[in-house]
Amino acid sequence: MLIGRIDLLRLLYARILVPPAVLAELKHPAAPRPVQDWAVNVPDWVEVLSPKSSLVLGQLDLGESEAIALAAEVHADVVLMDEQAGRQEAVRRGLKVAGTLSVLDEAEQAGLVNFDAAIDELQKTSFRVSQAVLADIRARRSR
């Protein structure tokens, strides 16, 4: 959303599910304006779906908890999440996790985007990633 390439999700994944709590977080006034705008006008290829069961995890916010619960219920191929605590909990529960950088890497492999150019654009936004993580991903990509 921050670099105008949210369409990559539709091109890479057959089904995009967003729990209501995540959508609420995306609409929050503190969220970047492009994110808020997208959340107010969710495209028709996105399904807003509530998990059938609630999952209360003290270290996670409601959005992360709902995303993990929903991914587990529908046996999702992957759960998209950038927050470290949420990623760790999802992996602990046996879910495959991908973050923004993984999505961009997959998109480049599919010929949809230039990874380095996308990262350069992303770094001009509010998205934060440590240089160590970025160096690690670039090293893995060069193998």
Protein backbone atom coordinates (compact mmCIF):
# COMPACT_ATOMS: atom_id res chain seq x y z
CA MET A 1 0.00 0.00 0.00
CA LEU A 2 2.77 2.39 0.91
CA ILE A 3 4.42 2.07 -2.51
CA GLY A 4 1.25 1.60 -4.53
CA ARG A 5 1.78 -2.11 -5.21
CA ILE A 6 -0.96 -3.73 -3.12
CA ASP A 7 -2.10 -5.33 -6.38
CA LEU A 8 0.83 -7.74 -6.01
CA LEU A 9 -1.17 -9.65 -3.40
CA ARG A 10 -3.96 -10.31 -5.90
CA LEU A 11 -1.43 -11.40 -8.52
CA LEU A 12 0.51 -13.71 -6.18
CA TYR A 13 -2.20 -15.29 -4.04
CA ALA A 14 -5.49 -16.94 -4.99
CA ARG A 15 -7.41 -15.64 -1.99
CA ILE A 16 -6.80 -12.64 0.28
CA LEU A 17 -8.55 -12.70 3.66
CA VAL A 18 -8.47 -9.82 6.11
CA PRO A 19 -9.97 -10.10 9.59
CA PRO A 20 -12.05 -7.14 10.84
CA ALA A 21 -9.53 -6.18 13.53
CA VAL A 22 -6.78 -5.83 10.92
CA LEU A 23 -9.06 -3.71 8.77
CA ALA A 24 -9.82 -1.51 11.79
CA GLU A 25 -6.07 -1.05 12.40
CA LEU A 26 -5.59 -0.05 8.77
CA LYS A 27 -8.34 2.57 9.12
CA HIS A 28 -6.90 4.04 12.31
CA PRO A 29 -6.03 7.76 12.08
CA ALA A 30 -2.40 6.96 12.97
CA ALA A 31 -2.06 4.71 9.90
CA PRO A 32 -0.46 6.29 6.82
CA ARG A 33 -3.00 8.02 4.54
CA PRO A 34 -2.60 5.54 1.61
CA VAL A 35 -3.28 2.67 4.03
CA GLN A 36 -6.37 4.38 5.44
CA ASP A 37 -7.67 5.14 1.95
CA TRP A 38 -7.24 1.51 0.88
CA ALA A 39 -8.97 0.21 4.02
CA VAL A 40 -11.97 2.49 3.51
CA ASN A 41 -12.36 1.26 -0.09
CA VAL A 42 -11.32 -2.39 0.14
CA PRO A 43 -11.08 -3.91 -3.35
CA ASP A 44 -13.49 -6.68 -4.28
CA TRP A 45 -10.66 -9.23 -4.42
CA VAL A 46 -10.24 -8.92 -0.64
CA GLU A 47 -12.54 -10.88 1.66
CA VAL A 48 -13.15 -9.44 5.13
CA LEU A 49 -13.74 -12.52 7.27
CA SER A 50 -14.01 -12.99 11.03
CA PRO A 51 -12.40 -15.99 12.64
CA LYS A 52 -14.94 -18.40 14.14
CA SER A 53 -13.02 -18.62 17.38
CA SER A 54 -11.23 -15.92 19.27
CA LEU A 55 -7.62 -16.22 20.19
CA VAL A 56 -6.46 -14.09 23.08
CA LEU A 57 -2.72 -13.71 23.12
CA GLY A 58 -1.52 -11.16 25.64
CA GLN A 59 1.62 -10.20 23.74
CA LEU A 60 -0.26 -9.58 20.47
CA ASP A 61 -2.75 -6.96 19.44
CA LEU A 62 -6.24 -7.95 18.31
CA GLY A 63 -5.37 -7.73 14.62
CA GLU A 64 -2.46 -10.14 14.90
CA SER A 65 -4.50 -12.50 17.07
CA GLU A 66 -7.40 -12.51 14.59
CA ALA A 67 -5.06 -12.99 11.63
CA ILE A 68 -3.43 -16.02 13.26
CA ALA A 69 -6.78 -17.50 14.31
CA LEU A 70 -8.26 -17.04 10.84
CA ALA A 71 -5.18 -18.43 9.08
CA ALA A 72 -5.30 -21.52 11.28
CA GLU A 73 -9.06 -22.01 10.74
CA VAL A 74 -8.93 -21.80 6.94
CA HIS A 75 -5.59 -23.62 6.67
CA ALA A 76 -4.10 -20.64 4.87
CA ASP A 77 -1.06 -21.23 2.71
CA VAL A 78 0.59 -18.20 4.29
CA VAL A 79 -0.20 -15.46 6.80
CA LEU A 80 1.12 -12.01 5.91
CA MET A 81 2.55 -10.27 8.94
CA ASP A 82 5.49 -7.96 9.62
CA GLU A 83 5.39 -7.59 13.42
CA GLN A 84 8.00 -9.85 15.02
CA ALA A 85 5.92 -11.08 17.97
CA GLY A 86 3.04 -12.00 15.69
CA ARG A 87 5.35 -13.76 13.24
CA GLN A 88 6.90 -15.81 16.05
CA GLU A 89 3.50 -16.84 17.40
CA ALA A 90 2.25 -17.81 13.94
CA VAL A 91 5.34 -19.95 13.32
CA ARG A 92 4.96 -21.50 16.79
CA ARG A 93 1.46 -22.54 15.72
CA GLY A 94 2.77 -24.14 12.54
CA LEU A 95 1.76 -21.40 10.12
CA LYS A 96 3.89 -20.24 7.22
CA VAL A 97 4.57 -16.52 7.54
CA ALA A 98 5.60 -13.96 4.96
CA GLY A 99 6.30 -10.30 5.49
CA THR A 100 6.41 -7.38 3.12
CA LEU A 101 9.96 -8.16 2.01
CA SER A 102 9.09 -11.79 1.29
CA VAL A 103 6.12 -10.70 -0.80
CA LEU A 104 8.34 -8.34 -2.79
CA ASP A 105 10.91 -11.11 -3.28
CA GLU A 106 8.21 -13.50 -4.51
CA ALA A 107 6.84 -10.77 -6.79
CA GLU A 108 10.26 -10.26 -8.35
CA GLN A 109 10.63 -13.99 -8.92
CA ALA A 110 7.28 -13.86 -10.74
CA GLY A 111 8.54 -10.98 -12.90
CA LEU A 112 6.12 -8.48 -11.38
CA VAL A 113 8.47 -6.01 -9.68
CA ASN A 114 12.12 -5.09 -9.28
CA PHE A 115 12.96 -5.98 -5.67
CA ASP A 116 15.71 -3.40 -5.16
CA ALA A 117 13.64 -0.58 -6.68
CA ALA A 118 10.65 -1.57 -4.52
CA ILE A 119 12.83 -1.59 -1.39
CA ASP A 120 14.20 1.84 -2.29
CA GLU A 121 10.62 3.15 -2.55
CA LEU A 122 9.56 1.39 0.65
CA GLN A 123 12.40 2.99 2.60
CA LYS A 124 11.00 6.42 1.69
CA THR A 125 7.81 5.58 3.61
CA SER A 126 6.98 4.87 7.26
CA PHE A 127 7.93 1.19 6.78
CA ARG A 128 10.90 0.29 8.95
CA VAL A 129 13.35 -2.55 8.55
CA SER A 130 16.79 -2.87 10.08
CA GLN A 131 19.79 -2.78 7.79
CA ALA A 132 20.83 -6.16 9.23
CA VAL A 133 17.54 -7.78 8.14
CA LEU A 134 17.77 -6.16 4.74
CA ALA A 135 21.38 -7.33 4.32
CA ASP A 136 20.36 -10.86 5.33
CA ILE A 137 17.54 -10.94 2.77
CA ARG A 138 19.77 -9.57 0.03
CA ALA A 139 22.42 -12.19 0.86
CA ARG A 140 19.84 -15.01 0.65
CA ARG A 141 18.54 -13.62 -2.63
CA SER A 142 22.02 -13.60 -4.19
CA ARG A 143 22.62 -17.31 -3.60
